[in-house]
């Protein structure tokens, strides 16, 4: 299945400031560091519309569900189901906060979400 997923992850790994290449995503998926989510077209289940990877992070006071990568097309067809599924899963697993590395526009897509700070980077 990786050949179908790789081009989608190739769209988002360049925004990691050199921290991830596509093969690193595959490694994380295979070793269980990240979990894979796939949205398919209802009319053509073999057509992948979007992919997402997630992981949990235990902080001193909260278990956090993190969306690490998300990429796809035809957002309106899958966003509501994706959001409902990952929020439900995160709650069942004991998370009390969800966060993700999204484009700012996602705050308009994900009901109840908010922008909290910014990631500022500098190569040193």
N, C-alpha and C. Protein backbone atom coordinates (compact mmCIF):
# COMPACT_ATOMS: atom_id res chain seq x y z
N UNK A 1 0.81 -1.20 0.00
CA UNK A 1 0.00 0.00 0.00
C UNK A 1 0.86 1.27 0.00
N UNK A 2 2.09 1.16 0.45
CA UNK A 2 2.96 2.33 0.54
C UNK A 2 3.09 3.11 -0.77
N UNK A 3 3.21 2.46 -1.93
CA UNK A 3 3.33 3.25 -3.17
C UNK A 3 2.18 4.24 -3.39
N UNK A 4 1.00 3.92 -2.91
CA UNK A 4 -0.14 4.82 -3.05
C UNK A 4 -0.10 5.94 -2.02
N UNK A 5 0.51 5.69 -0.87
CA UNK A 5 0.56 6.67 0.21
C UNK A 5 1.73 7.64 0.10
N UNK A 6 2.82 7.14 -0.42
CA UNK A 6 4.07 7.92 -0.47
C UNK A 6 3.91 9.30 -1.11
N UNK A 7 3.22 9.44 -2.25
CA UNK A 7 3.09 10.77 -2.84
C UNK A 7 2.36 11.78 -1.95
N UNK A 8 1.42 11.30 -1.16
CA UNK A 8 0.71 12.20 -0.25
C UNK A 8 1.63 12.68 0.86
N UNK A 9 2.41 11.77 1.43
CA UNK A 9 3.35 12.18 2.47
C UNK A 9 4.47 13.05 1.90
N UNK A 10 4.80 12.85 0.63
CA UNK A 10 5.83 13.67 0.00
C UNK A 10 5.41 15.13 -0.09
N UNK A 11 4.10 15.40 -0.04
CA UNK A 11 3.61 16.78 -0.07
C UNK A 11 3.84 17.50 1.25
N UNK A 12 3.88 16.75 2.36
CA UNK A 12 3.95 17.41 3.66
C UNK A 12 5.32 17.33 4.34
N UNK A 13 6.13 16.35 4.00
CA UNK A 13 7.43 16.25 4.67
C UNK A 13 8.35 17.44 4.41
N UNK A 14 8.26 18.15 3.28
CA UNK A 14 9.13 19.32 3.12
C UNK A 14 8.88 20.41 4.17
N UNK A 15 7.71 20.42 4.80
CA UNK A 15 7.42 21.46 5.80
C UNK A 15 7.96 21.11 7.18
N UNK A 16 8.76 20.04 7.29
CA UNK A 16 9.28 19.63 8.60
C UNK A 16 10.67 20.19 8.89
N UNK A 17 11.11 21.12 8.09
CA UNK A 17 12.42 21.75 8.31
C UNK A 17 13.56 20.75 8.31
N UNK A 18 13.43 19.72 7.47
CA UNK A 18 14.48 18.72 7.34
C UNK A 18 14.45 17.63 8.40
N UNK A 19 13.42 17.63 9.25
CA UNK A 19 13.33 16.62 10.31
C UNK A 19 12.83 15.28 9.79
N UNK A 20 12.02 15.29 8.74
CA UNK A 20 11.46 14.06 8.19
C UNK A 20 11.62 14.04 6.68
N UNK A 21 11.93 12.89 6.16
CA UNK A 21 11.80 12.58 4.75
C UNK A 21 10.71 11.51 4.66
N UNK A 22 10.23 11.24 3.49
CA UNK A 22 9.12 10.30 3.32
C UNK A 22 9.47 8.93 3.91
N UNK A 23 10.69 8.47 3.72
CA UNK A 23 11.06 7.16 4.23
C UNK A 23 11.04 7.11 5.76
N UNK A 24 11.20 8.27 6.42
CA UNK A 24 11.12 8.31 7.87
C UNK A 24 9.69 8.09 8.36
N UNK A 25 8.74 8.58 7.60
CA UNK A 25 7.33 8.34 7.94
C UNK A 25 7.04 6.84 7.88
N UNK A 26 7.50 6.21 6.82
CA UNK A 26 7.31 4.76 6.69
C UNK A 26 7.96 4.02 7.86
N UNK A 27 9.17 4.39 8.22
CA UNK A 27 9.85 3.75 9.34
C UNK A 27 9.03 3.89 10.62
N UNK A 28 8.53 5.11 10.89
CA UNK A 28 7.71 5.33 12.09
C UNK A 28 6.43 4.51 12.07
N UNK A 29 5.84 4.36 10.90
CA UNK A 29 4.62 3.55 10.81
C UNK A 29 4.92 2.07 11.05
N UNK A 30 6.00 1.60 10.47
CA UNK A 30 6.34 0.18 10.61
C UNK A 30 6.76 -0.19 12.03
N UNK A 31 7.41 0.75 12.73
CA UNK A 31 7.83 0.41 14.10
C UNK A 31 6.80 0.81 15.16
N UNK A 32 5.67 1.36 14.73
CA UNK A 32 4.59 1.69 15.66
C UNK A 32 4.71 3.03 16.35
N UNK A 33 5.70 3.83 15.98
CA UNK A 33 5.85 5.15 16.57
C UNK A 33 4.66 6.04 16.21
N UNK A 34 4.22 5.95 14.96
CA UNK A 34 3.04 6.69 14.50
C UNK A 34 2.00 5.69 14.00
N UNK A 35 0.74 6.12 14.07
CA UNK A 35 -0.36 5.31 13.55
C UNK A 35 -0.88 5.94 12.26
N UNK A 36 -1.35 5.10 11.36
CA UNK A 36 -1.82 5.55 10.05
C UNK A 36 -3.34 5.58 9.99
N UNK A 37 -3.86 6.64 9.41
CA UNK A 37 -5.29 6.80 9.14
C UNK A 37 -5.43 7.08 7.65
N UNK A 38 -6.44 6.48 7.03
CA UNK A 38 -6.66 6.67 5.60
C UNK A 38 -8.12 6.99 5.34
N UNK A 39 -8.37 7.99 4.51
CA UNK A 39 -9.73 8.31 4.06
C UNK A 39 -9.83 7.91 2.59
N UNK A 40 -10.84 7.09 2.30
CA UNK A 40 -11.06 6.63 0.94
C UNK A 40 -12.35 7.21 0.39
N UNK A 41 -12.45 7.24 -0.90
CA UNK A 41 -13.65 7.70 -1.58
C UNK A 41 -14.75 6.66 -1.40
N UNK A 42 -15.92 7.09 -0.92
CA UNK A 42 -17.05 6.17 -0.71
C UNK A 42 -17.46 5.46 -2.00
N UNK A 43 -17.38 6.16 -3.11
CA UNK A 43 -17.80 5.58 -4.39
C UNK A 43 -16.73 4.70 -5.01
N UNK A 44 -15.50 4.92 -4.62
CA UNK A 44 -14.38 4.13 -5.13
C UNK A 44 -13.42 3.87 -3.98
N UNK A 45 -13.68 2.83 -3.17
CA UNK A 45 -12.89 2.60 -1.96
C UNK A 45 -11.40 2.37 -2.18
N UNK A 46 -10.99 2.11 -3.41
CA UNK A 46 -9.56 1.94 -3.67
C UNK A 46 -8.87 3.28 -3.89
N UNK A 47 -9.65 4.37 -4.01
CA UNK A 47 -9.07 5.70 -4.22
C UNK A 47 -8.85 6.37 -2.86
N UNK A 48 -7.60 6.67 -2.56
CA UNK A 48 -7.23 7.32 -1.31
C UNK A 48 -7.38 8.83 -1.46
N UNK A 49 -8.18 9.42 -0.57
CA UNK A 49 -8.38 10.86 -0.59
C UNK A 49 -7.43 11.59 0.36
N UNK A 50 -7.13 10.94 1.50
CA UNK A 50 -6.29 11.60 2.49
C UNK A 50 -5.59 10.57 3.37
N UNK A 51 -4.49 11.00 3.94
CA UNK A 51 -3.75 10.19 4.91
C UNK A 51 -3.41 11.06 6.11
N UNK A 52 -3.29 10.42 7.25
CA UNK A 52 -2.94 11.12 8.47
C UNK A 52 -2.11 10.17 9.32
N UNK A 53 -1.14 10.71 10.04
CA UNK A 53 -0.44 9.91 11.05
C UNK A 53 -0.62 10.60 12.39
N UNK A 54 -0.68 9.77 13.42
CA UNK A 54 -0.88 10.28 14.77
C UNK A 54 0.00 9.54 15.75
N UNK A 55 0.13 10.10 16.93
CA UNK A 55 0.82 9.43 18.02
C UNK A 55 0.37 10.07 19.33
N UNK A 56 0.64 9.40 20.42
CA UNK A 56 0.32 9.94 21.73
C UNK A 56 1.60 10.43 22.39
N UNK A 57 1.46 11.47 23.20
CA UNK A 57 2.57 12.02 23.96
C UNK A 57 2.09 12.20 25.40
N UNK A 58 2.80 11.62 26.32
CA UNK A 58 2.44 11.79 27.73
C UNK A 58 3.19 12.97 28.29
N UNK A 59 2.48 14.00 28.66
CA UNK A 59 3.06 15.18 29.29
C UNK A 59 2.85 15.04 30.80
N UNK A 60 3.49 15.86 31.61
CA UNK A 60 3.33 15.71 33.06
C UNK A 60 1.88 15.74 33.54
N UNK A 61 1.03 16.51 32.89
CA UNK A 61 -0.34 16.66 33.37
C UNK A 61 -1.42 16.21 32.39
N UNK A 62 -1.04 15.85 31.19
CA UNK A 62 -2.03 15.45 30.19
C UNK A 62 -1.46 14.42 29.23
N UNK A 63 -2.34 13.54 28.78
CA UNK A 63 -2.01 12.67 27.66
C UNK A 63 -2.51 13.38 26.41
N UNK A 64 -1.62 13.57 25.45
CA UNK A 64 -1.92 14.37 24.27
C UNK A 64 -1.95 13.49 23.03
N UNK A 65 -3.00 13.66 22.25
CA UNK A 65 -3.14 12.99 20.96
C UNK A 65 -2.61 13.96 19.92
N UNK A 66 -1.58 13.56 19.18
CA UNK A 66 -0.94 14.46 18.22
C UNK A 66 -1.18 13.99 16.79
N UNK A 67 -1.62 14.91 15.96
CA UNK A 67 -1.67 14.67 14.52
C UNK A 67 -0.34 15.16 13.98
N UNK A 68 0.45 14.24 13.45
CA UNK A 68 1.79 14.59 12.98
C UNK A 68 1.75 15.02 11.52
N UNK A 69 1.12 14.23 10.68
CA UNK A 69 1.02 14.56 9.26
C UNK A 69 -0.42 14.38 8.81
N UNK A 70 -0.87 15.25 7.93
CA UNK A 70 -2.16 15.08 7.28
C UNK A 70 -2.05 15.69 5.89
N UNK A 71 -2.48 14.93 4.90
CA UNK A 71 -2.41 15.40 3.52
C UNK A 71 -3.52 14.74 2.72
N UNK A 72 -4.02 15.46 1.75
CA UNK A 72 -5.04 14.86 0.90
C UNK A 72 -5.71 15.89 0.01
N UNK A 73 -6.80 15.46 -0.57
CA UNK A 73 -7.60 16.31 -1.44
C UNK A 73 -9.07 16.09 -1.14
N UNK A 74 -9.91 16.94 -1.66
CA UNK A 74 -11.36 16.85 -1.48
C UNK A 74 -11.73 16.82 0.01
N UNK A 75 -11.20 17.77 0.73
CA UNK A 75 -11.36 17.88 2.18
C UNK A 75 -12.82 17.75 2.62
N UNK A 76 -13.72 18.38 1.91
CA UNK A 76 -15.13 18.36 2.33
C UNK A 76 -15.72 16.95 2.37
N UNK A 77 -15.14 16.01 1.61
CA UNK A 77 -15.67 14.65 1.57
C UNK A 77 -15.28 13.81 2.78
N UNK A 78 -14.19 14.16 3.46
CA UNK A 78 -13.69 13.29 4.52
C UNK A 78 -13.44 13.96 5.86
N UNK A 79 -13.38 15.28 5.90
CA UNK A 79 -12.95 15.97 7.12
C UNK A 79 -13.83 15.66 8.33
N UNK A 80 -15.14 15.68 8.17
CA UNK A 80 -16.03 15.47 9.32
C UNK A 80 -15.87 14.07 9.90
N UNK A 81 -15.80 13.07 9.04
CA UNK A 81 -15.64 11.70 9.50
C UNK A 81 -14.27 11.49 10.14
N UNK A 82 -13.24 12.05 9.53
CA UNK A 82 -11.88 11.95 10.08
C UNK A 82 -11.81 12.57 11.47
N UNK A 83 -12.33 13.78 11.61
CA UNK A 83 -12.28 14.48 12.88
C UNK A 83 -13.04 13.71 13.95
N UNK A 84 -14.25 13.27 13.62
CA UNK A 84 -15.06 12.50 14.59
C UNK A 84 -14.33 11.22 15.00
N UNK A 85 -13.72 10.55 14.03
CA UNK A 85 -13.04 9.28 14.32
C UNK A 85 -11.82 9.51 15.21
N UNK A 86 -10.99 10.49 14.89
CA UNK A 86 -9.78 10.64 15.70
C UNK A 86 -10.06 11.24 17.06
N UNK A 87 -11.08 12.09 17.17
CA UNK A 87 -11.43 12.60 18.50
C UNK A 87 -11.97 11.49 19.38
N UNK A 88 -12.82 10.65 18.83
CA UNK A 88 -13.38 9.53 19.58
C UNK A 88 -12.28 8.56 20.02
N UNK A 89 -11.39 8.24 19.11
CA UNK A 89 -10.27 7.34 19.41
C UNK A 89 -9.39 7.93 20.51
N UNK A 90 -9.07 9.20 20.40
CA UNK A 90 -8.21 9.85 21.39
C UNK A 90 -8.86 9.80 22.78
N UNK A 91 -10.14 10.08 22.85
CA UNK A 91 -10.84 10.02 24.14
C UNK A 91 -10.82 8.61 24.71
N UNK A 92 -11.11 7.61 23.87
CA UNK A 92 -11.10 6.21 24.33
C UNK A 92 -9.74 5.80 24.86
N UNK A 93 -8.69 6.40 24.32
CA UNK A 93 -7.32 6.07 24.75
C UNK A 93 -6.86 6.93 25.92
N UNK A 94 -7.72 7.78 26.43
CA UNK A 94 -7.39 8.56 27.62
C UNK A 94 -6.78 9.92 27.38
N UNK A 95 -6.74 10.38 26.14
CA UNK A 95 -6.19 11.71 25.87
C UNK A 95 -7.19 12.79 26.28
N UNK A 96 -6.68 13.89 26.78
CA UNK A 96 -7.53 15.01 27.15
C UNK A 96 -7.22 16.26 26.33
N UNK A 97 -6.25 16.16 25.43
CA UNK A 97 -5.90 17.27 24.55
C UNK A 97 -5.47 16.69 23.21
N UNK A 98 -5.90 17.34 22.16
CA UNK A 98 -5.45 16.97 20.81
C UNK A 98 -4.73 18.18 20.22
N UNK A 99 -3.65 17.91 19.54
CA UNK A 99 -2.91 18.98 18.88
C UNK A 99 -2.38 18.44 17.57
N UNK A 100 -2.08 19.34 16.67
CA UNK A 100 -1.58 18.88 15.39
C UNK A 100 -0.73 19.92 14.69
N UNK A 101 0.03 19.43 13.77
CA UNK A 101 0.85 20.28 12.91
C UNK A 101 0.07 20.49 11.63
N UNK A 102 -0.80 21.51 11.66
CA UNK A 102 -1.70 21.82 10.55
C UNK A 102 -1.34 23.18 9.96
N UNK A 103 -1.85 23.40 8.78
CA UNK A 103 -1.84 24.77 8.27
C UNK A 103 -2.86 25.56 9.09
N UNK A 104 -2.66 26.87 9.22
CA UNK A 104 -3.54 27.70 10.04
C UNK A 104 -5.01 27.60 9.63
N UNK A 105 -5.28 27.32 8.36
CA UNK A 105 -6.65 27.24 7.88
C UNK A 105 -7.46 26.15 8.59
N UNK A 106 -6.76 25.16 9.16
CA UNK A 106 -7.46 24.07 9.83
C UNK A 106 -8.28 24.56 11.02
N UNK A 107 -7.96 25.70 11.59
CA UNK A 107 -8.74 26.20 12.71
C UNK A 107 -10.18 26.47 12.27
N UNK A 108 -10.40 26.70 10.99
CA UNK A 108 -11.75 26.91 10.45
C UNK A 108 -12.43 25.59 10.10
N UNK A 109 -11.67 24.53 9.98
CA UNK A 109 -12.18 23.22 9.58
C UNK A 109 -12.50 22.35 10.79
N UNK A 110 -11.72 22.48 11.85
CA UNK A 110 -11.82 21.63 13.02
C UNK A 110 -12.61 22.37 14.11
N UNK A 111 -13.89 22.08 14.25
CA UNK A 111 -14.73 22.80 15.21
C UNK A 111 -14.17 22.73 16.63
N UNK A 112 -14.15 23.89 17.28
CA UNK A 112 -13.67 23.97 18.65
C UNK A 112 -12.16 24.10 18.80
N UNK A 113 -11.44 24.03 17.70
CA UNK A 113 -9.98 24.14 17.78
C UNK A 113 -9.57 25.61 17.86
N UNK A 114 -8.35 25.83 18.27
CA UNK A 114 -7.82 27.19 18.35
C UNK A 114 -6.32 27.16 18.05
N UNK A 115 -5.81 28.27 17.63
CA UNK A 115 -4.37 28.39 17.44
C UNK A 115 -3.76 28.71 18.79
N UNK A 116 -2.73 27.97 19.14
CA UNK A 116 -2.07 28.17 20.42
C UNK A 116 -0.57 28.32 20.18
N UNK A 117 -0.14 29.56 20.07
CA UNK A 117 1.27 29.82 19.84
C UNK A 117 1.65 29.62 18.39
N UNK A 118 2.92 29.52 18.17
CA UNK A 118 3.45 29.33 16.83
C UNK A 118 4.75 28.56 16.95
N UNK A 119 5.07 27.84 15.92
CA UNK A 119 6.37 27.19 15.87
C UNK A 119 7.30 28.11 15.09
N UNK A 120 8.33 28.56 15.74
CA UNK A 120 9.32 29.43 15.12
C UNK A 120 10.62 28.62 15.06
N UNK A 121 11.21 28.55 13.90
CA UNK A 121 12.41 27.72 13.74
C UNK A 121 13.56 28.54 13.16
N UNK A 122 14.74 28.07 13.45
CA UNK A 122 15.95 28.64 12.87
C UNK A 122 16.97 27.53 12.79
N UNK A 123 17.55 27.34 11.62
CA UNK A 123 18.64 26.36 11.48
C UNK A 123 19.86 26.92 12.18
N UNK A 124 20.49 26.07 12.99
CA UNK A 124 21.70 26.54 13.68
C UNK A 124 22.86 25.59 13.43
